[in-house]
Amino acid sequence: MKKILLLLPLAALLLTLGCKKILDLLEFTVEDSQTITVPATVPLGQFFPLSPVAVSSTSRATYANNNTSADYVQDVTLERLALTITSPTGQNFDFLRRIEVYISTSANSSDQVLLASLNPVPTGATSIELTPANQKLDVFLRGDSYMLTTKVDVVKPLGQNVTLRADSRFKVKARKP
């Protein structure tokens, strides 16, 4: 019984210190938006990579607004990636069978990982939400920019280029400095 009474204050102290550490962890989101173009010349029936697109990330400003910095980022995951057709008017996603979006630190880097995908793409939709790949994305949101590479499987010929707006939301966990 005496041992339990002696261990009780020690357990309370450890619990208090553990909770303080958890409270020092910040959670917030970084939201970025970028335009992706699917050229009218994409071959049909092939899984075809589009030209990589540089994204100027809002991460540094968001970190500063949350009183932290990229050095203190612990964990970044994709919460949402939505694609919306912005041009031509009246176009829907019926031309796509599947789509995958990859993220990398630069166009020529070997650190490319799957960010999100959708297979099959629903017909009649002008806006779609891809399924996140549940990757750890810390390295990509530490800098001012990252690259998105999109691969598409086009099943219907396009009469003209299709412009998509890609809206992403990343969940960030970071420590306070």
Protein backbone atom coordinates (compact mmCIF):
# COMPACT_ATOMS: atom_id res chain seq x y z
CA MET A 1 0.00 0.00 0.00
CA LYS A 2 2.89 2.35 0.84
CA LYS A 3 4.41 1.66 -2.59
CA ILE A 4 1.16 2.64 -4.29
CA LEU A 5 0.99 5.85 -2.29
CA LEU A 6 4.58 6.67 -3.28
CA LEU A 7 4.01 5.85 -6.96
CA LEU A 8 0.79 7.87 -7.23
CA PRO A 9 2.48 11.32 -7.08
CA LEU A 10 5.14 10.11 -9.54
CA ALA A 11 2.45 8.92 -11.99
CA ALA A 12 0.62 12.26 -11.63
CA LEU A 13 3.85 14.14 -12.37
CA LEU A 14 4.58 12.04 -15.47
CA LEU A 15 1.02 12.47 -16.68
CA THR A 16 1.23 16.24 -16.23
CA LEU A 17 4.53 16.45 -18.12
CA GLY A 18 3.16 14.22 -20.89
CA CYS A 19 0.05 16.43 -21.27
CA LYS A 20 2.23 19.56 -21.43
CA LYS A 21 4.16 18.01 -24.32
CA ILE A 22 0.91 17.23 -26.16
CA LEU A 23 -0.33 20.78 -25.57
CA ASP A 24 2.84 22.16 -27.20
CA LEU A 25 1.84 20.47 -30.47
CA LEU A 26 -0.05 22.71 -32.90
CA GLU A 27 -2.53 21.46 -35.49
CA PHE A 28 -3.61 23.56 -38.46
CA THR A 29 -4.11 23.33 -42.22
CA VAL A 30 -2.22 24.63 -45.24
CA GLU A 31 -4.34 25.27 -48.32
CA ASP A 32 -2.86 25.61 -51.81
CA SER A 33 -4.43 26.01 -55.22
CA GLN A 34 -2.93 25.44 -58.66
CA THR A 35 -3.97 25.15 -62.28
CA ILE A 36 -3.40 21.91 -64.25
CA THR A 37 -3.90 21.70 -68.01
CA VAL A 38 -4.86 18.49 -69.79
CA PRO A 39 -3.77 19.05 -73.41
CA ALA A 40 -6.12 18.07 -76.24
CA THR A 41 -3.27 15.96 -77.65
CA VAL A 42 -3.16 13.42 -74.78
CA PRO A 43 -3.21 9.90 -76.27
CA LEU A 44 -6.29 7.79 -75.60
CA GLY A 45 -6.18 4.59 -73.56
CA GLN A 46 -2.72 5.18 -72.06
CA PHE A 47 -1.76 6.22 -68.57
CA PHE A 48 -0.09 9.45 -69.62
CA PRO A 49 1.97 11.86 -67.46
CA LEU A 50 1.24 15.57 -67.91
CA SER A 51 3.91 18.25 -67.56
CA PRO A 52 4.85 18.88 -63.93
CA VAL A 53 3.36 22.01 -62.37
CA ALA A 54 5.14 24.12 -59.76
CA VAL A 55 3.01 25.11 -56.77
CA SER A 56 3.93 28.20 -54.76
CA SER A 57 2.90 27.00 -51.34
CA THR A 58 1.28 29.12 -48.63
CA SER A 59 3.00 26.94 -46.02
CA ARG A 60 5.58 29.46 -44.75
CA ALA A 61 2.95 32.18 -44.24
CA THR A 62 0.63 29.67 -42.56
CA TYR A 63 3.44 28.50 -40.26
CA ALA A 64 4.19 32.12 -39.30
CA ASN A 65 0.49 32.79 -38.63
CA ASN A 66 0.52 29.79 -36.26
CA ASN A 67 3.69 30.94 -34.45
CA THR A 68 5.91 28.16 -35.77
CA SER A 69 8.21 27.47 -38.72
CA ALA A 70 9.09 24.67 -41.13
CA ASP A 71 11.87 23.55 -38.75
CA TYR A 72 9.24 22.55 -36.18
CA VAL A 73 6.91 20.63 -38.50
CA GLN A 74 6.34 17.11 -37.18
CA ASP A 75 3.77 15.62 -39.50
CA VAL A 76 2.02 16.65 -42.74
CA THR A 77 -0.71 14.63 -44.46
CA LEU A 78 -3.13 15.39 -47.27
CA GLU A 79 -6.68 15.91 -46.05
CA ARG A 80 -8.29 16.82 -49.36
CA LEU A 81 -7.48 17.23 -53.05
CA ALA A 82 -10.34 18.49 -55.21
CA LEU A 83 -10.21 19.08 -58.96
CA THR A 84 -12.65 21.42 -60.66
CA ILE A 85 -12.90 22.03 -64.40
CA THR A 86 -12.58 25.76 -65.07
CA SER A 87 -12.38 25.66 -68.89
CA PRO A 88 -13.98 25.01 -71.32
CA THR A 89 -17.44 25.87 -70.07
CA GLY A 90 -19.75 22.85 -69.95
CA GLN A 91 -16.88 20.30 -69.89
CA ASN A 92 -17.14 17.43 -67.39
CA PHE A 93 -14.80 14.62 -66.36
CA ASP A 94 -16.33 12.05 -68.75
CA PHE A 95 -13.08 12.07 -70.74
CA LEU A 96 -11.14 10.51 -67.80
CA ARG A 97 -11.07 6.90 -66.61
CA ARG A 98 -8.55 7.42 -63.81
CA ILE A 99 -6.23 10.08 -62.46
CA GLU A 100 -3.22 10.11 -60.13
CA VAL A 101 -1.44 13.14 -58.73
CA TYR A 102 2.16 12.90 -57.48
CA ILE A 103 4.13 15.35 -55.36
CA SER A 104 7.88 16.02 -55.38
CA THR A 105 10.26 18.71 -54.14
CA SER A 106 11.36 19.61 -57.70
CA ALA A 107 10.80 18.54 -61.31
CA ASN A 108 13.94 16.39 -61.49
CA SER A 109 13.94 14.98 -57.99
CA SER A 110 13.68 11.30 -57.18
CA ASP A 111 11.47 11.85 -54.12
CA GLN A 112 8.17 11.75 -56.03
CA VAL A 113 5.33 10.03 -54.14
CA LEU A 114 1.67 9.44 -54.85
CA LEU A 115 -0.39 12.26 -53.32
CA ALA A 116 -3.92 11.23 -54.33
CA SER A 117 -5.83 9.27 -56.97
CA LEU A 118 -9.28 8.40 -58.24
CA ASN A 119 -10.29 5.29 -60.17
CA PRO A 120 -12.83 5.23 -61.65
CA VAL A 121 -13.59 8.90 -62.24
CA PRO A 122 -17.37 9.44 -61.97
CA THR A 123 -19.21 10.48 -65.12
CA GLY A 124 -21.07 13.76 -65.42
CA ALA A 125 -19.04 15.48 -62.69
CA THR A 126 -17.41 18.89 -63.14
CA SER A 127 -15.69 18.65 -59.76
CA ILE A 128 -14.13 15.55 -58.18
CA GLU A 129 -12.41 14.74 -54.92
CA LEU A 130 -9.43 12.40 -55.10
CA THR A 131 -8.58 9.81 -52.46
CA PRO A 132 -5.49 10.80 -50.41
CA ALA A 133 -2.64 8.27 -50.49
CA ASN A 134 -1.90 8.71 -46.74
CA GLN A 135 1.75 9.57 -47.30
CA LYS A 136 3.97 11.48 -44.87
CA LEU A 137 4.50 14.80 -46.69
CA ASP A 138 6.67 16.84 -44.31
CA VAL A 139 9.56 17.29 -46.74
CA PHE A 140 7.33 18.73 -49.46
CA LEU A 141 5.79 21.46 -47.30
CA ARG A 142 9.00 22.63 -45.67
CA GLY A 143 9.93 24.82 -48.64
CA ASP A 144 8.25 27.62 -50.55
CA SER A 145 7.17 25.37 -53.41
CA TYR A 146 6.68 21.81 -54.57
CA MET A 147 5.85 20.07 -57.86
CA LEU A 148 2.68 18.25 -58.85
CA THR A 149 2.79 15.68 -61.63
CA THR A 150 -0.54 14.37 -62.88
CA LYS A 151 -1.06 11.12 -64.75
CA VAL A 152 -4.31 10.62 -66.64
CA ASP A 153 -6.05 7.83 -68.52
CA VAL A 154 -8.10 9.63 -71.18
CA VAL A 155 -10.92 7.59 -72.75
CA LYS A 156 -12.57 10.21 -74.98
CA PRO A 157 -10.88 12.59 -77.41
CA LEU A 158 -10.64 16.21 -76.30
CA GLY A 159 -11.49 18.94 -78.79
CA GLN A 160 -9.45 21.47 -76.81
CA ASN A 161 -7.27 21.77 -73.72
CA VAL A 162 -9.08 21.25 -70.41
CA THR A 163 -8.06 23.46 -67.49
CA LEU A 164 -8.45 22.15 -63.93
CA ARG A 165 -8.11 23.95 -60.62
CA ALA A 166 -6.48 21.73 -58.00
CA ASP A 167 -7.38 22.74 -54.42
CA SER A 168 -5.40 20.93 -51.74
CA ARG A 169 -5.66 21.01 -47.97
CA PHE A 170 -2.84 19.58 -45.86
CA LYS A 171 -3.13 18.78 -42.16
CA VAL A 172 -0.02 19.94 -40.30
CA LYS A 173 1.22 19.08 -36.84
CA ALA A 174 4.08 21.22 -35.59
CA ARG A 175 5.81 22.09 -32.35
CA LYS A 176 6.00 25.58 -30.94
CA PRO A 177 9.50 27.09 -31.20
